[in-house]
Amino acid sequence: MQRSDVRRGDGTWVGLSLEVRNRPLPGLGVLSAGARLLLAQESRTVVLAVVAERPQGVG
């Protein structure tokens, strides 16, 4: 990980930047778009679902 300061043009410090390199990808990921939900393990789909309009379940 590389740490660096973020500064304005006049040199005023405004924040901190962290750059992470060579990190392992997570084995399990959750993606969503609208009412759709995708649970994937690496490149394999584990669950593909539509969340009910009233959040009481998944189909």
C-alpha atoms as a PDB file:
ATOM      1  CA  MET A   1       0.000   0.000   0.000  1.00  0.00           C
ATOM      2  CA  GLN A   2       1.242   3.456  -0.890  1.00  0.00           C
ATOM      3  CA  ARG A   3       0.163   6.491   1.133  1.00  0.00           C
ATOM      4  CA  SER A   4       0.287  10.040  -0.209  1.00  0.00           C
ATOM      5  CA  ASP A   5      -1.131  13.420   0.738  1.00  0.00           C
ATOM      6  CA  VAL A   6      -3.715  15.148  -1.449  1.00  0.00           C
ATOM      7  CA  ARG A   7      -3.128  18.883  -1.712  1.00  0.00           C
ATOM      8  CA  ARG A   8      -4.795  21.801  -3.462  1.00  0.00           C
ATOM      9  CA  GLY A   9      -2.898  23.880  -5.993  1.00  0.00           C
ATOM     10  CA  ASP A  10      -1.863  26.282  -3.222  1.00  0.00           C
ATOM     11  CA  GLY A  11      -0.357  23.442  -1.167  1.00  0.00           C
ATOM     12  CA  THR A  12      -3.196  23.183   1.396  1.00  0.00           C
ATOM     13  CA  TRP A  13      -3.653  19.612   2.630  1.00  0.00           C
ATOM     14  CA  VAL A  14      -7.165  18.291   1.853  1.00  0.00           C
ATOM     15  CA  GLY A  15      -6.939  14.547   2.305  1.00  0.00           C
ATOM     16  CA  LEU A  16      -5.119  11.261   2.141  1.00  0.00           C
ATOM     17  CA  SER A  17      -4.794   8.896  -0.810  1.00  0.00           C
ATOM     18  CA  LEU A  18      -4.187   5.162  -0.342  1.00  0.00           C
ATOM     19  CA  GLU A  19      -3.219   3.050  -3.339  1.00  0.00           C
ATOM     20  CA  VAL A  20      -3.388  -0.719  -2.936  1.00  0.00           C
ATOM     21  CA  ARG A  21      -1.494  -2.900  -5.407  1.00  0.00           C
ATOM     22  CA  ASN A  22      -1.458  -6.642  -5.995  1.00  0.00           C
ATOM     23  CA  ARG A  23      -4.357  -7.350  -3.682  1.00  0.00           C
ATOM     24  CA  PRO A  24      -6.120 -10.711  -4.026  1.00  0.00           C
ATOM     25  CA  LEU A  25      -9.621 -10.600  -5.445  1.00  0.00           C
ATOM     26  CA  PRO A  26     -12.369 -11.712  -3.062  1.00  0.00           C
ATOM     27  CA  GLY A  27     -13.624 -15.246  -3.568  1.00  0.00           C
ATOM     28  CA  LEU A  28     -17.259 -14.239  -3.161  1.00  0.00           C
ATOM     29  CA  GLY A  29     -18.947 -11.122  -4.509  1.00  0.00           C
ATOM     30  CA  VAL A  30     -22.403  -9.551  -4.393  1.00  0.00           C
ATOM     31  CA  LEU A  31     -23.615  -7.345  -7.232  1.00  0.00           C
ATOM     32  CA  SER A  32     -26.950  -5.582  -7.526  1.00  0.00           C
ATOM     33  CA  ALA A  33     -28.803  -3.593 -10.178  1.00  0.00           C
ATOM     34  CA  GLY A  34     -32.312  -2.420  -9.418  1.00  0.00           C
ATOM     35  CA  ALA A  35     -34.205  -5.397  -8.033  1.00  0.00           C
ATOM     36  CA  ARG A  36     -31.686  -7.937  -9.359  1.00  0.00           C
ATOM     37  CA  LEU A  37     -29.151  -9.584  -7.075  1.00  0.00           C
ATOM     38  CA  LEU A  38     -26.165 -11.687  -8.153  1.00  0.00           C
ATOM     39  CA  LEU A  39     -23.981 -13.700  -5.795  1.00  0.00           C
ATOM     40  CA  ALA A  40     -20.873 -14.982  -7.580  1.00  0.00           C
ATOM     41  CA  GLN A  41     -17.873 -17.064  -6.573  1.00  0.00           C
ATOM     42  CA  GLU A  42     -14.964 -16.034  -8.784  1.00  0.00           C
ATOM     43  CA  SER A  43     -16.529 -16.263 -12.285  1.00  0.00           C
ATOM     44  CA  ARG A  44     -19.309 -18.709 -11.322  1.00  0.00           C
ATOM     45  CA  THR A  45     -22.857 -17.586 -10.584  1.00  0.00           C
ATOM     46  CA  VAL A  46     -24.024 -18.953  -7.223  1.00  0.00           C
ATOM     47  CA  VAL A  47     -27.373 -17.141  -6.865  1.00  0.00           C
ATOM     48  CA  LEU A  48     -29.213 -14.995  -9.399  1.00  0.00           C
ATOM     49  CA  ALA A  49     -32.380 -13.534  -7.901  1.00  0.00           C
ATOM     50  CA  VAL A  50     -34.990 -10.794  -8.043  1.00  0.00           C
ATOM     51  CA  VAL A  51     -35.766  -9.093  -4.739  1.00  0.00           C
ATOM     52  CA  ALA A  52     -39.499  -8.672  -4.062  1.00  0.00           C
ATOM     53  CA  GLU A  53     -40.905  -5.139  -4.330  1.00  0.00           C
ATOM     54  CA  ARG A  54     -41.718  -5.206  -0.632  1.00  0.00           C
ATOM     55  CA  PRO A  55     -38.482  -6.565   0.850  1.00  0.00           C
ATOM     56  CA  GLN A  56     -39.980  -9.702   2.326  1.00  0.00           C
ATOM     57  CA  GLY A  57     -38.173 -12.268   0.244  1.00  0.00           C
ATOM     58  CA  VAL A  58     -36.183 -13.196  -2.825  1.00  0.00           C
ATOM     59  CA  GLY A  59     -37.342 -15.203  -5.821  1.00  0.00           C
END
